C-alpha atoms as a PDB file:
ATOM      1  CA  MET A   1       4.976  21.793  43.662  1.00  0.00           C
ATOM      2  CA  LYS A   2       1.759  19.824  43.355  1.00  0.00           C
ATOM      3  CA  PRO A   3       0.900  17.590  46.296  1.00  0.00           C
ATOM      4  CA  VAL A   4       1.804  13.935  45.875  1.00  0.00           C
ATOM      5  CA  SER A   5      -1.676  12.873  46.946  1.00  0.00           C
ATOM      6  CA  GLY A   6      -3.215  14.540  43.887  1.00  0.00           C
ATOM      7  CA  ASN A   7      -5.730  16.236  46.155  1.00  0.00           C
ATOM      8  CA  PRO A   8      -5.942  20.032  45.779  1.00  0.00           C
ATOM      9  CA  ASN A   9      -6.999  20.302  49.430  1.00  0.00           C
ATOM     10  CA  ASP A  10      -3.493  19.182  50.405  1.00  0.00           C
ATOM     11  CA  CYS A  11      -1.960  22.162  48.587  1.00  0.00           C
ATOM     12  CA  HIS A  12      -1.636  25.459  50.452  1.00  0.00           C
ATOM     13  CA  ASP A  13       0.264  27.488  47.827  1.00  0.00           C
ATOM     14  CA  ILE A  14      -2.010  29.714  45.717  1.00  0.00           C
ATOM     15  CA  ASP A  15       0.413  29.823  42.765  1.00  0.00           C
ATOM     16  CA  THR A  16       0.562  26.047  42.649  1.00  0.00           C
ATOM     17  CA  LEU A  17      -3.233  25.883  42.733  1.00  0.00           C
ATOM     18  CA  ARG A  18      -3.449  28.384  39.867  1.00  0.00           C
ATOM     19  CA  GLU A  19      -0.980  26.316  37.878  1.00  0.00           C
ATOM     20  CA  TRP A  20      -3.022  23.245  38.623  1.00  0.00           C
ATOM     21  CA  VAL A  21      -6.231  24.950  37.461  1.00  0.00           C
ATOM     22  CA  THR A  22      -4.499  26.047  34.243  1.00  0.00           C
ATOM     23  CA  ASP A  23      -3.316  22.490  33.617  1.00  0.00           C
ATOM     24  CA  LEU A  24      -6.816  21.148  34.240  1.00  0.00           C
ATOM     25  CA  GLN A  25      -8.317  23.712  31.851  1.00  0.00           C
ATOM     26  CA  GLU A  26      -5.896  22.563  29.160  1.00  0.00           C
ATOM     27  CA  VAL A  27      -6.854  18.950  29.811  1.00  0.00           C
ATOM     28  CA  VAL A  28     -10.551  19.859  29.573  1.00  0.00           C
ATOM     29  CA  SER A  29      -9.921  21.691  26.303  1.00  0.00           C
ATOM     30  CA  ILE A  30      -8.101  18.688  24.843  1.00  0.00           C
ATOM     31  CA  HIS A  31     -10.876  16.390  26.052  1.00  0.00           C
ATOM     32  CA  ARG A  32     -13.491  18.543  24.295  1.00  0.00           C
ATOM     33  CA  GLU A  33     -11.499  18.370  21.068  1.00  0.00           C
ATOM     34  CA  LEU A  34     -11.274  14.587  21.363  1.00  0.00           C
ATOM     35  CA  VAL A  35     -15.023  14.301  21.920  1.00  0.00           C
ATOM     36  CA  THR A  36     -15.689  16.522  18.910  1.00  0.00           C
ATOM     37  CA  CYS A  37     -13.334  14.428  16.770  1.00  0.00           C
ATOM     38  CA  SER A  38     -14.970  11.213  17.978  1.00  0.00           C
ATOM     39  CA  ARG A  39     -18.422  12.507  17.073  1.00  0.00           C
ATOM     40  CA  HIS A  40     -17.153  13.530  13.659  1.00  0.00           C
ATOM     41  CA  GLN A  41     -15.646  10.067  13.154  1.00  0.00           C
ATOM     42  CA  VAL A  42     -18.983   8.478  14.051  1.00  0.00           C
ATOM     43  CA  GLU A  43     -20.792  10.707  11.544  1.00  0.00           C
ATOM     44  CA  VAL A  44     -18.265   9.868   8.839  1.00  0.00           C
ATOM     45  CA  GLY A  45     -18.613   6.170   9.693  1.00  0.00           C
ATOM     46  CA  HIS A  46     -22.389   6.370   9.275  1.00  0.00           C
ATOM     47  CA  LYS A  47     -22.008   8.130   5.929  1.00  0.00           C
ATOM     48  CA  LEU A  48     -19.502   5.530   4.724  1.00  0.00           C
ATOM     49  CA  THR A  49     -21.842   2.724   5.768  1.00  0.00           C
ATOM     50  CA  GLU A  50     -24.729   4.381   3.947  1.00  0.00           C
ATOM     51  CA  LEU A  51     -22.653   4.804   0.789  1.00  0.00           C
ATOM     52  CA  ALA A  52     -21.486   1.187   0.966  1.00  0.00           C
ATOM     53  CA  GLU A  53     -25.097   0.015   1.260  1.00  0.00           C
ATOM     54  CA  GLN A  54     -26.088   2.143  -1.749  1.00  0.00           C
ATOM     55  CA  LYS A  55     -23.180   0.759  -3.761  1.00  0.00           C
ATOM     56  CA  THR A  56     -24.116  -2.791  -2.773  1.00  0.00           C
ATOM     57  CA  ALA A  57     -27.702  -2.231  -3.912  1.00  0.00           C
ATOM     58  CA  ALA A  58     -26.508  -0.777  -7.224  1.00  0.00           C
ATOM     59  CA  LEU A  59     -24.147  -3.717  -7.791  1.00  0.00           C
ATOM     60  CA  GLU A  60     -26.903  -6.218  -7.010  1.00  0.00           C
ATOM     61  CA  GLU A  61     -29.149  -4.480  -9.535  1.00  0.00           C
ATOM     62  CA  LYS A  62     -26.373  -4.550 -12.131  1.00  0.00           C
ATOM     63  CA  ILE A  63     -25.816  -8.273 -11.504  1.00  0.00           C
ATOM     64  CA  GLU A  64     -29.529  -8.943 -12.029  1.00  0.00           C
ATOM     65  CA  LEU A  65     -29.511  -7.003 -15.301  1.00  0.00           C
ATOM     66  CA  MET A  66     -26.401  -8.828 -16.500  1.00  0.00           C
ATOM     67  CA  GLN A  67     -27.982 -12.173 -15.604  1.00  0.00           C
ATOM     68  CA  LYS A  68     -31.099 -11.269 -17.594  1.00  0.00           C
ATOM     69  CA  ARG A  69     -28.957 -10.247 -20.564  1.00  0.00           C
ATOM     70  CA  LEU A  70     -26.980 -13.493 -20.322  1.00  0.00           C
ATOM     71  CA  ASN A  71     -30.214 -15.476 -20.254  1.00  0.00           C
ATOM     72  CA  GLN A  72     -31.418 -13.624 -23.355  1.00  0.00           C
ATOM     73  CA  TYR A  73     -28.159 -14.408 -25.171  1.00  0.00           C
ATOM     74  CA  GLU A  74     -28.440 -18.070 -24.182  1.00  0.00           C
ATOM     75  CA  ILE A  75     -31.994 -18.213 -25.497  1.00  0.00           C
ATOM     76  CA  ALA A  76     -31.032 -16.436 -28.722  1.00  0.00           C
ATOM     77  CA  PHE A  77     -27.996 -18.682 -29.232  1.00  0.00           C
ATOM     78  CA  SER A  78     -30.040 -21.824 -28.562  1.00  0.00           C
ATOM     79  CA  ALA A  79     -32.711 -20.757 -31.052  1.00  0.00           C
ATOM     80  CA  LYS A  80     -30.081 -19.913 -33.676  1.00  0.00           C
ATOM     81  CA  HIS A  81     -28.319 -23.246 -33.102  1.00  0.00           C
ATOM     82  CA  TYR A  82     -31.638 -25.127 -33.266  1.00  0.00           C
ATOM     83  CA  ASN A  83     -32.573 -23.428 -36.545  1.00  0.00           C
ATOM     84  CA  HIS A  84     -29.123 -24.154 -37.998  1.00  0.00           C
ATOM     85  CA  VAL A  85     -29.423 -27.858 -37.107  1.00  0.00           C
ATOM     86  CA  ARG A  86     -32.919 -27.972 -38.623  1.00  0.00           C
ATOM     87  CA  ARG A  87     -31.569 -26.551 -41.876  1.00  0.00           C
ATOM     88  CA  LEU A  88     -28.865 -29.212 -41.982  1.00  0.00           C
ATOM     89  CA  ASN A  89     -31.406 -31.987 -41.632  1.00  0.00           C
END
């Protein structure tokens, strides 16, 4: 049985100490896996942020192009309307 204090110095049974070491090794292994997963999540987060920024830039460029096209249509429509009114007069 492991000592209640949680201090390995309070334990005098070698089998219990070995069990304790095995448990600690398992905990360390799990901790390493968690750290690796966390690092991977951070990398994925950075990649997602980068992709979102690229998509935002592409959408902004598309909006600018659409605005230019709309302006051209407005100019063309105004000129056509103006010429039509001139013909009526």
